[in-house]
Amino acid sequence: MALKERTLGNKVLDEAIAFKLVLSKALEQQWSRIKILSHNKEFLRQLRHQSPSDSRVATMIDDIADMQKIFRMCSFCLVSENNMENSKRLSSYALGILLDEEWYFSQCH
Protein backbone atom coordinates (compact mmCIF):
# COMPACT_ATOMS: atom_id res chain seq x y z
CA MET A 1 0.00 0.00 0.00
CA ALA A 2 1.58 3.29 -1.08
CA LEU A 3 0.75 6.64 0.44
CA LYS A 4 -0.12 9.45 -1.93
CA GLU A 5 1.52 12.20 0.10
CA ARG A 6 2.02 13.20 3.70
CA THR A 7 1.49 16.86 4.43
CA LEU A 8 0.57 19.08 7.32
CA GLY A 9 -0.70 21.79 4.99
CA ASN A 10 2.28 24.04 5.75
CA LYS A 11 4.96 23.82 3.03
CA VAL A 12 7.70 25.26 5.25
CA LEU A 13 6.95 22.81 8.07
CA ASP A 14 6.67 19.91 5.60
CA GLU A 15 10.08 20.79 4.19
CA ALA A 16 11.60 21.04 7.68
CA ILE A 17 10.26 17.61 8.58
CA ALA A 18 11.62 16.19 5.33
CA PHE A 19 15.07 17.69 5.97
CA LYS A 20 15.14 16.25 9.48
CA LEU A 21 14.15 12.81 8.16
CA VAL A 22 16.82 12.92 5.45
CA LEU A 23 19.49 13.91 7.96
CA SER A 24 18.37 11.14 10.33
CA LYS A 25 18.63 8.55 7.57
CA ALA A 26 22.03 9.86 6.46
CA LEU A 27 23.32 9.64 10.04
CA GLU A 28 21.88 6.16 10.38
CA GLN A 29 23.87 5.20 7.27
CA GLN A 30 26.97 6.84 8.80
CA TRP A 31 27.42 9.33 5.97
CA SER A 32 29.91 12.08 6.72
CA ARG A 33 28.91 14.40 3.88
CA ILE A 34 25.56 15.40 2.50
CA LYS A 35 24.08 18.13 0.30
CA ILE A 36 20.32 18.58 0.38
CA LEU A 37 18.66 20.34 -2.52
CA SER A 38 15.38 22.17 -2.14
CA HIS A 39 13.18 24.46 -4.20
CA ASN A 40 11.49 25.89 -1.08
CA LYS A 41 13.13 29.31 -0.93
CA GLU A 42 11.20 30.42 2.17
CA PHE A 43 12.23 27.40 4.23
CA LEU A 44 15.89 27.81 3.26
CA ARG A 45 15.73 31.49 4.22
CA GLN A 46 14.29 30.61 7.62
CA LEU A 47 16.88 27.86 8.12
CA ARG A 48 19.88 30.00 7.12
CA HIS A 49 18.83 33.03 9.16
CA GLN A 50 17.45 31.04 12.11
CA SER A 51 14.20 32.99 11.75
CA PRO A 52 11.36 30.46 11.91
CA SER A 53 7.80 31.43 11.08
CA ASP A 54 6.31 29.60 14.09
CA SER A 55 7.22 27.43 17.07
CA ARG A 56 6.86 24.12 15.23
CA VAL A 57 9.24 25.26 12.50
CA ALA A 58 11.57 26.66 15.19
CA THR A 59 11.81 23.24 16.83
CA MET A 60 12.58 21.59 13.49
CA ILE A 61 15.20 24.21 12.58
CA ASP A 62 16.91 23.73 15.95
CA ASP A 63 16.96 19.96 15.43
CA ILE A 64 18.30 20.34 11.88
CA ALA A 65 21.05 22.72 13.05
CA ASP A 66 22.09 20.25 15.77
CA MET A 67 22.13 17.35 13.32
CA GLN A 68 24.05 19.41 10.75
CA LYS A 69 26.95 19.77 13.21
CA ILE A 70 27.44 16.00 13.32
CA PHE A 71 28.42 15.81 9.64
CA ARG A 72 31.86 16.65 8.33
CA MET A 73 30.12 18.51 5.50
CA CYS A 74 26.41 19.31 5.36
CA SER A 75 24.94 21.93 3.06
CA PHE A 76 21.52 23.03 1.89
CA CYS A 77 21.10 24.48 -1.60
CA LEU A 78 18.31 26.18 -3.48
CA VAL A 79 17.54 24.76 -6.92
CA SER A 80 14.81 25.47 -9.40
CA GLU A 81 11.82 23.17 -9.36
CA ASN A 82 12.66 22.16 -12.94
CA ASN A 83 15.88 20.53 -11.70
CA MET A 84 14.09 18.46 -9.06
CA GLU A 85 12.59 15.68 -11.23
CA ASN A 86 14.78 12.87 -9.86
CA SER A 87 14.27 14.12 -6.32
CA LYS A 88 10.51 14.09 -6.81
CA ARG A 89 10.61 10.48 -8.00
CA LEU A 90 12.76 9.49 -5.02
CA SER A 91 10.45 11.39 -2.66
CA SER A 92 7.40 9.61 -4.06
CA TYR A 93 9.10 6.29 -3.49
CA ALA A 94 10.19 7.26 0.04
CA LEU A 95 6.67 8.37 0.99
CA GLY A 96 5.48 4.85 0.21
CA ILE A 97 7.86 3.24 2.70
CA LEU A 98 5.78 2.28 5.70
CA LEU A 99 8.24 0.18 7.70
CA ASP A 100 11.69 1.76 7.95
CA GLU A 101 12.92 0.63 4.54
CA GLU A 102 11.77 -2.95 4.97
CA TRP A 103 9.87 -4.78 2.25
CA TYR A 104 6.54 -6.33 3.17
CA PHE A 105 5.20 -9.23 1.14
CA SER A 106 1.84 -10.46 2.39
CA GLN A 107 2.24 -13.91 0.79
CA CYS A 108 5.26 -14.56 3.06
CA HIS A 109 3.34 -14.24 6.32
C-alpha atoms as a PDB file:
ATOM      1  CA  MET A   1       0.000   0.000   0.000  1.00  0.00           C
ATOM      2  CA  ALA A   2       1.581   3.294  -1.078  1.00  0.00           C
ATOM      3  CA  LEU A   3       0.748   6.637   0.442  1.00  0.00           C
ATOM      4  CA  LYS A   4      -0.116   9.455  -1.929  1.00  0.00           C
ATOM      5  CA  GLU A   5       1.521  12.204   0.095  1.00  0.00           C
ATOM      6  CA  ARG A   6       2.019  13.197   3.699  1.00  0.00           C
ATOM      7  CA  THR A   7       1.485  16.859   4.427  1.00  0.00           C
ATOM      8  CA  LEU A   8       0.565  19.084   7.325  1.00  0.00           C
ATOM      9  CA  GLY A   9      -0.701  21.793   4.986  1.00  0.00           C
ATOM     10  CA  ASN A  10       2.285  24.037   5.745  1.00  0.00           C
ATOM     11  CA  LYS A  11       4.956  23.822   3.031  1.00  0.00           C
ATOM     12  CA  VAL A  12       7.700  25.259   5.255  1.00  0.00           C
ATOM     13  CA  LEU A  13       6.954  22.806   8.066  1.00  0.00           C
ATOM     14  CA  ASP A  14       6.668  19.910   5.604  1.00  0.00           C
ATOM     15  CA  GLU A  15      10.081  20.795   4.191  1.00  0.00           C
ATOM     16  CA  ALA A  16      11.601  21.041   7.677  1.00  0.00           C
ATOM     17  CA  ILE A  17      10.264  17.611   8.580  1.00  0.00           C
ATOM     18  CA  ALA A  18      11.622  16.186   5.332  1.00  0.00           C
ATOM     19  CA  PHE A  19      15.075  17.694   5.969  1.00  0.00           C
ATOM     20  CA  LYS A  20      15.145  16.245   9.475  1.00  0.00           C
ATOM     21  CA  LEU A  21      14.147  12.811   8.159  1.00  0.00           C
ATOM     22  CA  VAL A  22      16.820  12.922   5.447  1.00  0.00           C
ATOM     23  CA  LEU A  23      19.489  13.914   7.960  1.00  0.00           C
ATOM     24  CA  SER A  24      18.367  11.143  10.333  1.00  0.00           C
ATOM     25  CA  LYS A  25      18.628   8.547   7.572  1.00  0.00           C
ATOM     26  CA  ALA A  26      22.033   9.857   6.462  1.00  0.00           C
ATOM     27  CA  LEU A  27      23.324   9.641  10.044  1.00  0.00           C
ATOM     28  CA  GLU A  28      21.882   6.161  10.375  1.00  0.00           C
ATOM     29  CA  GLN A  29      23.872   5.196   7.267  1.00  0.00           C
ATOM     30  CA  GLN A  30      26.965   6.840   8.798  1.00  0.00           C
ATOM     31  CA  TRP A  31      27.419   9.327   5.972  1.00  0.00           C
ATOM     32  CA  SER A  32      29.912  12.075   6.720  1.00  0.00           C
ATOM     33  CA  ARG A  33      28.912  14.405   3.883  1.00  0.00           C
ATOM     34  CA  ILE A  34      25.561  15.400   2.502  1.00  0.00           C
ATOM     35  CA  LYS A  35      24.080  18.129   0.298  1.00  0.00           C
ATOM     36  CA  ILE A  36      20.323  18.576   0.380  1.00  0.00           C
ATOM     37  CA  LEU A  37      18.660  20.341  -2.524  1.00  0.00           C
ATOM     38  CA  SER A  38      15.376  22.174  -2.143  1.00  0.00           C
ATOM     39  CA  HIS A  39      13.183  24.463  -4.204  1.00  0.00           C
ATOM     40  CA  ASN A  40      11.492  25.890  -1.085  1.00  0.00           C
ATOM     41  CA  LYS A  41      13.125  29.310  -0.928  1.00  0.00           C
ATOM     42  CA  GLU A  42      11.199  30.420   2.165  1.00  0.00           C
ATOM     43  CA  PHE A  43      12.233  27.398   4.225  1.00  0.00           C
ATOM     44  CA  LEU A  44      15.892  27.806   3.256  1.00  0.00           C
ATOM     45  CA  ARG A  45      15.729  31.491   4.222  1.00  0.00           C
ATOM     46  CA  GLN A  46      14.286  30.608   7.622  1.00  0.00           C
ATOM     47  CA  LEU A  47      16.877  27.864   8.121  1.00  0.00           C
ATOM     48  CA  ARG A  48      19.876  30.000   7.121  1.00  0.00           C
ATOM     49  CA  HIS A  49      18.832  33.025   9.162  1.00  0.00           C
ATOM     50  CA  GLN A  50      17.451  31.042  12.107  1.00  0.00           C
ATOM     51  CA  SER A  51      14.204  32.991  11.746  1.00  0.00           C
ATOM     52  CA  PRO A  52      11.361  30.457  11.913  1.00  0.00           C
ATOM     53  CA  SER A  53       7.797  31.427  11.082  1.00  0.00           C
ATOM     54  CA  ASP A  54       6.312  29.595  14.087  1.00  0.00           C
ATOM     55  CA  SER A  55       7.221  27.431  17.067  1.00  0.00           C
ATOM     56  CA  ARG A  56       6.861  24.118  15.227  1.00  0.00           C
ATOM     57  CA  VAL A  57       9.241  25.264  12.505  1.00  0.00           C
ATOM     58  CA  ALA A  58      11.570  26.657  15.193  1.00  0.00           C
ATOM     59  CA  THR A  59      11.811  23.239  16.829  1.00  0.00           C
ATOM     60  CA  MET A  60      12.578  21.586  13.487  1.00  0.00           C
ATOM     61  CA  ILE A  61      15.202  24.211  12.581  1.00  0.00           C
ATOM     62  CA  ASP A  62      16.906  23.734  15.948  1.00  0.00           C
ATOM     63  CA  ASP A  63      16.956  19.964  15.428  1.00  0.00           C
ATOM     64  CA  ILE A  64      18.304  20.340  11.880  1.00  0.00           C
ATOM     65  CA  ALA A  65      21.049  22.722  13.050  1.00  0.00           C
ATOM     66  CA  ASP A  66      22.087  20.248  15.769  1.00  0.00           C
ATOM     67  CA  MET A  67      22.130  17.355  13.317  1.00  0.00           C
ATOM     68  CA  GLN A  68      24.054  19.409  10.746  1.00  0.00           C
ATOM     69  CA  LYS A  69      26.948  19.767  13.206  1.00  0.00           C
ATOM     70  CA  ILE A  70      27.436  15.999  13.318  1.00  0.00           C
ATOM     71  CA  PHE A  71      28.420  15.807   9.644  1.00  0.00           C
ATOM     72  CA  ARG A  72      31.863  16.653   8.325  1.00  0.00           C
ATOM     73  CA  MET A  73      30.121  18.514   5.496  1.00  0.00           C
ATOM     74  CA  CYS A  74      26.413  19.313   5.358  1.00  0.00           C
ATOM     75  CA  SER A  75      24.940  21.931   3.062  1.00  0.00           C
ATOM     76  CA  PHE A  76      21.518  23.028   1.885  1.00  0.00           C
ATOM     77  CA  CYS A  77      21.100  24.476  -1.599  1.00  0.00           C
ATOM     78  CA  LEU A  78      18.306  26.176  -3.481  1.00  0.00           C
ATOM     79  CA  VAL A  79      17.539  24.758  -6.916  1.00  0.00           C
ATOM     80  CA  SER A  80      14.810  25.474  -9.396  1.00  0.00           C
ATOM     81  CA  GLU A  81      11.817  23.170  -9.359  1.00  0.00           C
ATOM     82  CA  ASN A  82      12.659  22.161 -12.942  1.00  0.00           C
ATOM     83  CA  ASN A  83      15.875  20.530 -11.700  1.00  0.00           C
ATOM     84  CA  MET A  84      14.088  18.457  -9.059  1.00  0.00           C
ATOM     85  CA  GLU A  85      12.587  15.682 -11.225  1.00  0.00           C
ATOM     86  CA  ASN A  86      14.780  12.866  -9.860  1.00  0.00           C
ATOM     87  CA  SER A  87      14.270  14.116  -6.317  1.00  0.00           C
ATOM     88  CA  LYS A  88      10.508  14.094  -6.814  1.00  0.00           C
ATOM     89  CA  ARG A  89      10.609  10.484  -8.002  1.00  0.00           C
ATOM     90  CA  LEU A  90      12.757   9.491  -5.017  1.00  0.00           C
ATOM     91  CA  SER A  91      10.448  11.386  -2.657  1.00  0.00           C
ATOM     92  CA  SER A  92       7.398   9.615  -4.062  1.00  0.00           C
ATOM     93  CA  TYR A  93       9.099   6.290  -3.486  1.00  0.00           C
ATOM     94  CA  ALA A  94      10.191   7.258   0.045  1.00  0.00           C
ATOM     95  CA  LEU A  95       6.675   8.372   0.990  1.00  0.00           C
ATOM     96  CA  GLY A  96       5.479   4.851   0.215  1.00  0.00           C
ATOM     97  CA  ILE A  97       7.863   3.244   2.703  1.00  0.00           C
ATOM     98  CA  LEU A  98       5.781   2.280   5.699  1.00  0.00           C
ATOM     99  CA  LEU A  99       8.239   0.183   7.697  1.00  0.00           C
ATOM    100  CA  ASP A 100      11.693   1.760   7.952  1.00  0.00           C
ATOM    101  CA  GLU A 101      12.925   0.627   4.536  1.00  0.00           C
ATOM    102  CA  GLU A 102      11.766  -2.950   4.968  1.00  0.00           C
ATOM    103  CA  TRP A 103       9.867  -4.776   2.253  1.00  0.00           C
ATOM    104  CA  TYR A 104       6.544  -6.335   3.167  1.00  0.00           C
ATOM    105  CA  PHE A 105       5.199  -9.232   1.139  1.00  0.00           C
ATOM    106  CA  SER A 106       1.843 -10.457   2.388  1.00  0.00           C
ATOM    107  CA  GLN A 107       2.241 -13.910   0.793  1.00  0.00           C
ATOM    108  CA  CYS A 108       5.261 -14.560   3.059  1.00  0.00           C
ATOM    109  CA  HIS A 109       3.337 -14.235   6.325  1.00  0.00           C
END
